[in-house]
Amino acid sequence: MRKTAFVLFSFLMIACSELIDKPKNLIGKDTMSEVLADFALTEQLSAVVENNNLDNDTRYILQQKKIKGNDFVENYKYYTATGEIEQIIDKAQDIILNKDPKAKIYIEKKLKENKKVPAFAK
């Protein structure tokens, strides 16, 4: 009985882990992190620079990495469904902090001011 229950449970776990099919044009985790970091930096830039077209900036970032918009969306959904998006976002955060180490101090300051946001893990 236990063996049958274990086999059935294992089968269900495997079936549930495949919630979404792997995209045809799978983008590597490192590349996804780089793209997300660039998106975040561009979004912050648009807050400072007037008349900055975020759509054009997004297209430019994807074009530089030779990624189609639909491929990016499919990959983002895939990594979210598999639970790997957290690692990708953490790496994107590291990329940003490596580009501007002063950002870490600023982020920590803002997190202390806003008690609803969890502490900065890095």
N, C-alpha and C. Protein backbone atom coordinates (compact mmCIF):
# COMPACT_ATOMS: atom_id res chain seq x y z
N MET A 1 0.83 -1.19 0.00
CA MET A 1 0.00 0.00 0.00
C MET A 1 0.87 1.25 0.00
N ARG A 2 1.90 1.26 0.84
CA ARG A 2 2.77 2.43 0.92
C ARG A 2 3.50 2.66 -0.40
N LYS A 3 3.95 1.57 -1.02
CA LYS A 3 4.64 1.70 -2.30
C LYS A 3 3.73 2.30 -3.35
N THR A 4 2.50 1.84 -3.38
CA THR A 4 1.53 2.36 -4.35
C THR A 4 1.27 3.84 -4.10
N ALA A 5 1.11 4.21 -2.85
CA ALA A 5 0.87 5.61 -2.51
C ALA A 5 2.09 6.46 -2.87
N PHE A 6 3.28 5.94 -2.62
CA PHE A 6 4.50 6.68 -2.96
C PHE A 6 4.63 6.87 -4.46
N VAL A 7 4.38 5.82 -5.23
CA VAL A 7 4.46 5.89 -6.69
C VAL A 7 3.42 6.88 -7.21
N LEU A 8 2.22 6.82 -6.71
CA LEU A 8 1.16 7.73 -7.13
C LEU A 8 1.52 9.17 -6.77
N PHE A 9 2.03 9.38 -5.57
CA PHE A 9 2.44 10.72 -5.14
C PHE A 9 3.57 11.24 -6.01
N SER A 10 4.55 10.38 -6.32
CA SER A 10 5.67 10.77 -7.18
C SER A 10 5.17 11.15 -8.56
N PHE A 11 4.25 10.39 -9.10
CA PHE A 11 3.69 10.69 -10.42
C PHE A 11 2.98 12.04 -10.41
N LEU A 12 2.23 12.31 -9.38
CA LEU A 12 1.53 13.60 -9.28
C LEU A 12 2.51 14.76 -9.17
N MET A 13 3.59 14.58 -8.42
CA MET A 13 4.59 15.64 -8.28
C MET A 13 5.26 15.94 -9.62
N ILE A 14 5.57 14.90 -10.37
CA ILE A 14 6.20 15.09 -11.68
C ILE A 14 5.23 15.78 -12.62
N ALA A 15 3.98 15.37 -12.61
CA ALA A 15 2.98 15.97 -13.49
C ALA A 15 2.76 17.44 -13.15
N CYS A 16 2.74 17.78 -11.88
CA CYS A 16 2.52 19.16 -11.46
C CYS A 16 3.72 20.05 -11.76
N SER A 17 4.91 19.48 -11.79
CA SER A 17 6.10 20.29 -12.05
C SER A 17 6.15 20.74 -13.50
N GLU A 18 5.41 20.08 -14.37
CA GLU A 18 5.37 20.45 -15.79
C GLU A 18 4.11 21.25 -16.08
N LEU A 19 3.88 22.32 -15.36
CA LEU A 19 2.69 23.14 -15.55
C LEU A 19 2.68 23.84 -16.90
N ILE A 20 3.85 24.10 -17.41
CA ILE A 20 3.97 24.84 -18.66
C ILE A 20 5.09 24.21 -19.48
N ASP A 21 4.89 24.16 -20.77
CA ASP A 21 5.91 23.58 -21.64
C ASP A 21 7.11 24.51 -21.74
N LYS A 22 8.28 23.90 -21.93
CA LYS A 22 9.50 24.66 -22.12
C LYS A 22 9.38 25.43 -23.44
N PRO A 23 9.71 26.72 -23.43
CA PRO A 23 9.61 27.51 -24.67
C PRO A 23 10.53 26.96 -25.77
N LYS A 24 10.11 27.14 -27.01
CA LYS A 24 10.93 26.70 -28.15
C LYS A 24 12.28 27.41 -28.14
N ASN A 25 12.26 28.70 -27.89
CA ASN A 25 13.48 29.51 -27.86
C ASN A 25 13.82 29.85 -26.41
N LEU A 26 14.32 28.84 -25.71
CA LEU A 26 14.63 29.03 -24.29
C LEU A 26 15.77 30.02 -24.12
N ILE A 27 15.52 31.03 -23.31
CA ILE A 27 16.53 32.05 -22.99
C ILE A 27 17.22 31.60 -21.71
N GLY A 28 18.54 31.63 -21.70
CA GLY A 28 19.29 31.23 -20.52
C GLY A 28 18.98 32.11 -19.31
N LYS A 29 19.16 31.55 -18.14
CA LYS A 29 18.88 32.29 -16.91
C LYS A 29 19.75 33.53 -16.78
N ASP A 30 21.02 33.42 -17.17
CA ASP A 30 21.92 34.57 -17.09
C ASP A 30 21.45 35.69 -18.00
N THR A 31 21.04 35.34 -19.21
CA THR A 31 20.55 36.34 -20.15
C THR A 31 19.26 36.97 -19.65
N MET A 32 18.38 36.16 -19.09
CA MET A 32 17.14 36.69 -18.53
C MET A 32 17.46 37.68 -17.40
N SER A 33 18.44 37.35 -16.58
CA SER A 33 18.84 38.26 -15.49
C SER A 33 19.37 39.57 -16.04
N GLU A 34 20.18 39.48 -17.08
CA GLU A 34 20.73 40.69 -17.69
C GLU A 34 19.63 41.57 -18.27
N VAL A 35 18.67 40.95 -18.93
CA VAL A 35 17.55 41.70 -19.52
C VAL A 35 16.72 42.35 -18.42
N LEU A 36 16.41 41.62 -17.38
CA LEU A 36 15.62 42.19 -16.28
C LEU A 36 16.36 43.34 -15.60
N ALA A 37 17.67 43.20 -15.45
CA ALA A 37 18.46 44.29 -14.85
C ALA A 37 18.41 45.52 -15.75
N ASP A 38 18.56 45.32 -17.05
CA ASP A 38 18.49 46.44 -17.99
C ASP A 38 17.10 47.09 -17.97
N PHE A 39 16.05 46.26 -17.89
CA PHE A 39 14.69 46.81 -17.80
C PHE A 39 14.55 47.69 -16.55
N ALA A 40 15.05 47.21 -15.43
CA ALA A 40 14.93 47.95 -14.17
C ALA A 40 15.69 49.28 -14.25
N LEU A 41 16.89 49.24 -14.80
CA LEU A 41 17.68 50.47 -14.91
C LEU A 41 17.02 51.46 -15.86
N THR A 42 16.47 50.96 -16.96
CA THR A 42 15.79 51.82 -17.93
C THR A 42 14.55 52.44 -17.32
N GLU A 43 13.82 51.65 -16.54
CA GLU A 43 12.62 52.18 -15.89
C GLU A 43 12.97 53.31 -14.92
N GLN A 44 14.05 53.15 -14.19
CA GLN A 44 14.48 54.20 -13.27
C GLN A 44 14.93 55.44 -14.03
N LEU A 45 15.58 55.23 -15.16
CA LEU A 45 16.01 56.35 -15.98
C LEU A 45 14.81 57.14 -16.49
N SER A 46 13.74 56.44 -16.84
CA SER A 46 12.55 57.12 -17.36
C SER A 46 11.89 57.98 -16.29
N ALA A 47 12.14 57.67 -15.03
CA ALA A 47 11.60 58.50 -13.95
C ALA A 47 12.35 59.82 -13.84
N VAL A 48 13.58 59.84 -14.34
CA VAL A 48 14.42 61.04 -14.24
C VAL A 48 14.38 61.85 -15.54
N VAL A 49 14.41 61.17 -16.66
CA VAL A 49 14.49 61.83 -17.96
C VAL A 49 13.09 62.01 -18.52
N GLU A 50 12.76 63.25 -18.84
CA GLU A 50 11.45 63.52 -19.44
C GLU A 50 11.41 63.02 -20.87
N ASN A 51 10.23 62.67 -21.32
CA ASN A 51 10.00 62.21 -22.70
C ASN A 51 10.81 60.97 -23.07
N ASN A 52 11.16 60.18 -22.08
CA ASN A 52 11.87 58.93 -22.35
C ASN A 52 10.82 57.87 -22.72
N ASN A 53 10.96 57.26 -23.87
CA ASN A 53 10.00 56.29 -24.36
C ASN A 53 10.40 54.89 -23.88
N LEU A 54 9.71 54.42 -22.87
CA LEU A 54 10.02 53.12 -22.27
C LEU A 54 9.81 51.97 -23.25
N ASP A 55 8.81 52.08 -24.12
CA ASP A 55 8.58 51.03 -25.11
C ASP A 55 9.76 50.89 -26.05
N ASN A 56 10.27 52.01 -26.53
CA ASN A 56 11.43 51.97 -27.42
C ASN A 56 12.66 51.41 -26.70
N ASP A 57 12.83 51.80 -25.45
CA ASP A 57 13.96 51.30 -24.67
C ASP A 57 13.87 49.79 -24.48
N THR A 58 12.66 49.30 -24.22
CA THR A 58 12.45 47.87 -24.04
C THR A 58 12.76 47.12 -25.33
N ARG A 59 12.27 47.65 -26.45
CA ARG A 59 12.57 47.02 -27.74
C ARG A 59 14.07 47.00 -28.01
N TYR A 60 14.73 48.09 -27.67
CA TYR A 60 16.18 48.19 -27.90
C TYR A 60 16.94 47.14 -27.08
N ILE A 61 16.56 46.98 -25.82
CA ILE A 61 17.22 46.00 -24.95
C ILE A 61 17.05 44.59 -25.52
N LEU A 62 15.82 44.26 -25.92
CA LEU A 62 15.57 42.95 -26.48
C LEU A 62 16.31 42.75 -27.80
N GLN A 63 16.36 43.80 -28.60
CA GLN A 63 17.06 43.72 -29.88
C GLN A 63 18.55 43.49 -29.67
N GLN A 64 19.14 44.15 -28.67
CA GLN A 64 20.56 43.97 -28.39
C GLN A 64 20.88 42.53 -27.99
N LYS A 65 19.96 41.88 -27.32
CA LYS A 65 20.15 40.50 -26.88
C LYS A 65 19.62 39.50 -27.91
N LYS A 66 19.10 40.03 -29.02
CA LYS A 66 18.54 39.19 -30.10
C LYS A 66 17.41 38.31 -29.58
N ILE A 67 16.49 38.94 -28.83
CA ILE A 67 15.34 38.26 -28.25
C ILE A 67 14.07 38.91 -28.79
N LYS A 68 13.14 38.09 -29.23
CA LYS A 68 11.83 38.60 -29.67
C LYS A 68 10.95 38.81 -28.44
N GLY A 69 10.07 39.79 -28.52
CA GLY A 69 9.19 40.11 -27.40
C GLY A 69 8.37 38.92 -26.93
N ASN A 70 7.79 38.18 -27.87
CA ASN A 70 6.98 37.01 -27.51
C ASN A 70 7.83 35.93 -26.84
N ASP A 71 9.08 35.78 -27.30
CA ASP A 71 9.97 34.80 -26.68
C ASP A 71 10.26 35.19 -25.23
N PHE A 72 10.47 36.48 -25.00
CA PHE A 72 10.74 36.93 -23.64
C PHE A 72 9.54 36.63 -22.73
N VAL A 73 8.35 36.95 -23.22
CA VAL A 73 7.13 36.72 -22.42
C VAL A 73 6.96 35.24 -22.12
N GLU A 74 7.15 34.38 -23.13
CA GLU A 74 7.01 32.94 -22.92
C GLU A 74 8.04 32.42 -21.91
N ASN A 75 9.26 32.92 -22.00
CA ASN A 75 10.31 32.50 -21.07
C ASN A 75 10.01 32.99 -19.66
N TYR A 76 9.51 34.21 -19.54
CA TYR A 76 9.17 34.75 -18.22
C TYR A 76 8.08 33.90 -17.58
N LYS A 77 7.07 33.54 -18.36
CA LYS A 77 6.00 32.67 -17.85
C LYS A 77 6.57 31.31 -17.42
N TYR A 78 7.45 30.77 -18.25
CA TYR A 78 8.04 29.46 -17.96
C TYR A 78 8.84 29.50 -16.66
N TYR A 79 9.72 30.49 -16.53
CA TYR A 79 10.54 30.57 -15.33
C TYR A 79 9.70 30.87 -14.09
N THR A 80 8.61 31.59 -14.25
CA THR A 80 7.71 31.83 -13.13
C THR A 80 7.02 30.54 -12.71
N ALA A 81 6.53 29.78 -13.69
CA ALA A 81 5.84 28.52 -13.40
C ALA A 81 6.76 27.49 -12.78
N THR A 82 8.03 27.49 -13.17
CA THR A 82 8.97 26.50 -12.62
C THR A 82 9.57 26.95 -11.30
N GLY A 83 9.31 28.19 -10.90
CA GLY A 83 9.83 28.69 -9.63
C GLY A 83 11.26 29.20 -9.71
N GLU A 84 11.80 29.28 -10.91
CA GLU A 84 13.19 29.71 -11.07
C GLU A 84 13.32 31.23 -11.21
N ILE A 85 12.20 31.92 -11.27
CA ILE A 85 12.25 33.37 -11.49
C ILE A 85 12.91 34.09 -10.32
N GLU A 86 12.78 33.56 -9.12
CA GLU A 86 13.40 34.18 -7.95
C GLU A 86 14.91 34.25 -8.10
N GLN A 87 15.51 33.16 -8.54
CA GLN A 87 16.96 33.12 -8.75
C GLN A 87 17.37 34.12 -9.83
N ILE A 88 16.57 34.20 -10.87
CA ILE A 88 16.86 35.11 -11.98
C ILE A 88 16.78 36.55 -11.51
N ILE A 89 15.78 36.86 -10.72
CA ILE A 89 15.62 38.23 -10.20
C ILE A 89 16.75 38.56 -9.23
N ASP A 90 17.14 37.60 -8.40
CA ASP A 90 18.26 37.83 -7.47
C ASP A 90 19.54 38.14 -8.24
N LYS A 91 19.77 37.40 -9.32
CA LYS A 91 20.97 37.65 -10.13
C LYS A 91 20.88 39.02 -10.81
N ALA A 92 19.68 39.40 -11.27
CA ALA A 92 19.49 40.73 -11.87
C ALA A 92 19.81 41.82 -10.85
N GLN A 93 19.39 41.59 -9.62
CA GLN A 93 19.68 42.54 -8.55
C GLN A 93 21.18 42.66 -8.33
N ASP A 94 21.88 41.53 -8.36
CA ASP A 94 23.33 41.54 -8.22
C ASP A 94 23.99 42.33 -9.36
N ILE A 95 23.48 42.15 -10.57
CA ILE A 95 24.01 42.87 -11.72
C ILE A 95 23.88 44.38 -11.51
N ILE A 96 22.72 44.79 -11.04
CA ILE A 96 22.49 46.22 -10.79
C ILE A 96 23.43 46.74 -9.71
N LEU A 97 23.56 45.99 -8.64
CA LEU A 97 24.43 46.42 -7.54
C LEU A 97 25.89 46.46 -7.95
N ASN A 98 26.30 45.57 -8.85
CA ASN A 98 27.68 45.60 -9.35
C ASN A 98 27.92 46.80 -10.25
N LYS A 99 26.88 47.23 -10.96
CA LYS A 99 27.02 48.41 -11.82
C LYS A 99 27.10 49.68 -10.99
N ASP A 100 26.41 49.69 -9.84
CA ASP A 100 26.41 50.87 -8.98
C ASP A 100 26.36 50.44 -7.51
N PRO A 101 27.54 50.25 -6.89
CA PRO A 101 27.57 49.80 -5.49
C PRO A 101 26.86 50.76 -4.53
N LYS A 102 26.76 52.03 -4.88
CA LYS A 102 26.06 52.98 -4.02
C LYS A 102 24.57 52.68 -3.96
N ALA A 103 24.08 51.94 -4.93
CA ALA A 103 22.66 51.58 -4.95
C ALA A 103 22.29 50.75 -3.73
N LYS A 104 23.20 49.89 -3.28
CA LYS A 104 22.91 49.04 -2.13
C LYS A 104 22.62 49.90 -0.89
N ILE A 105 23.40 50.92 -0.67
CA ILE A 105 23.19 51.81 0.48
C ILE A 105 21.83 52.50 0.36
N TYR A 106 21.53 52.97 -0.85
CA TYR A 106 20.25 53.65 -1.08
C TYR A 106 19.08 52.69 -0.84
N ILE A 107 19.20 51.47 -1.35
CA ILE A 107 18.13 50.49 -1.19
C ILE A 107 17.92 50.16 0.29
N GLU A 108 19.00 49.93 1.01
CA GLU A 108 18.89 49.62 2.43
C GLU A 108 18.23 50.76 3.20
N LYS A 109 18.56 52.00 2.84
CA LYS A 109 17.96 53.16 3.48
C LYS A 109 16.46 53.20 3.22
N LYS A 110 16.06 52.97 1.98
CA LYS A 110 14.64 53.00 1.63
C LYS A 110 13.88 51.86 2.29
N LEU A 111 14.52 50.70 2.41
CA LEU A 111 13.86 49.57 3.07
C LEU A 111 13.63 49.84 4.55
N LYS A 112 14.56 50.52 5.18
CA LYS A 112 14.40 50.87 6.59
C LYS A 112 13.24 51.86 6.77
N GLU A 113 13.09 52.75 5.79
CA GLU A 113 12.00 53.73 5.86
C GLU A 113 10.64 53.06 5.65
N ASN A 114 10.60 52.02 4.84
CA ASN A 114 9.35 51.34 4.53
C ASN A 114 9.33 50.00 5.25
N LYS A 115 8.65 49.93 6.35
CA LYS A 115 8.65 48.73 7.20
C LYS A 115 7.86 47.56 6.58
N LYS A 116 7.04 47.83 5.57
CA LYS A 116 6.22 46.77 4.97
C LYS A 116 7.03 45.88 4.02
N VAL A 117 8.17 46.37 3.57
CA VAL A 117 9.00 45.61 2.62
C VAL A 117 9.98 44.77 3.42
N PRO A 118 10.16 43.48 3.03
CA PRO A 118 11.12 42.64 3.76
C PRO A 118 12.54 43.17 3.63
N ALA A 119 13.37 42.81 4.58
CA ALA A 119 14.76 43.29 4.64
C ALA A 119 15.54 42.89 3.39
N PHE A 120 16.53 43.67 3.08
CA PHE A 120 17.40 43.44 1.93
C PHE A 120 18.31 42.28 2.23
N ALA A 121 18.27 41.24 1.40
CA ALA A 121 18.98 40.00 1.70
C ALA A 121 20.45 40.03 1.34
N LYS A 122 20.89 40.95 0.54
CA LYS A 122 22.27 40.93 0.05
C LYS A 122 23.20 41.64 1.01
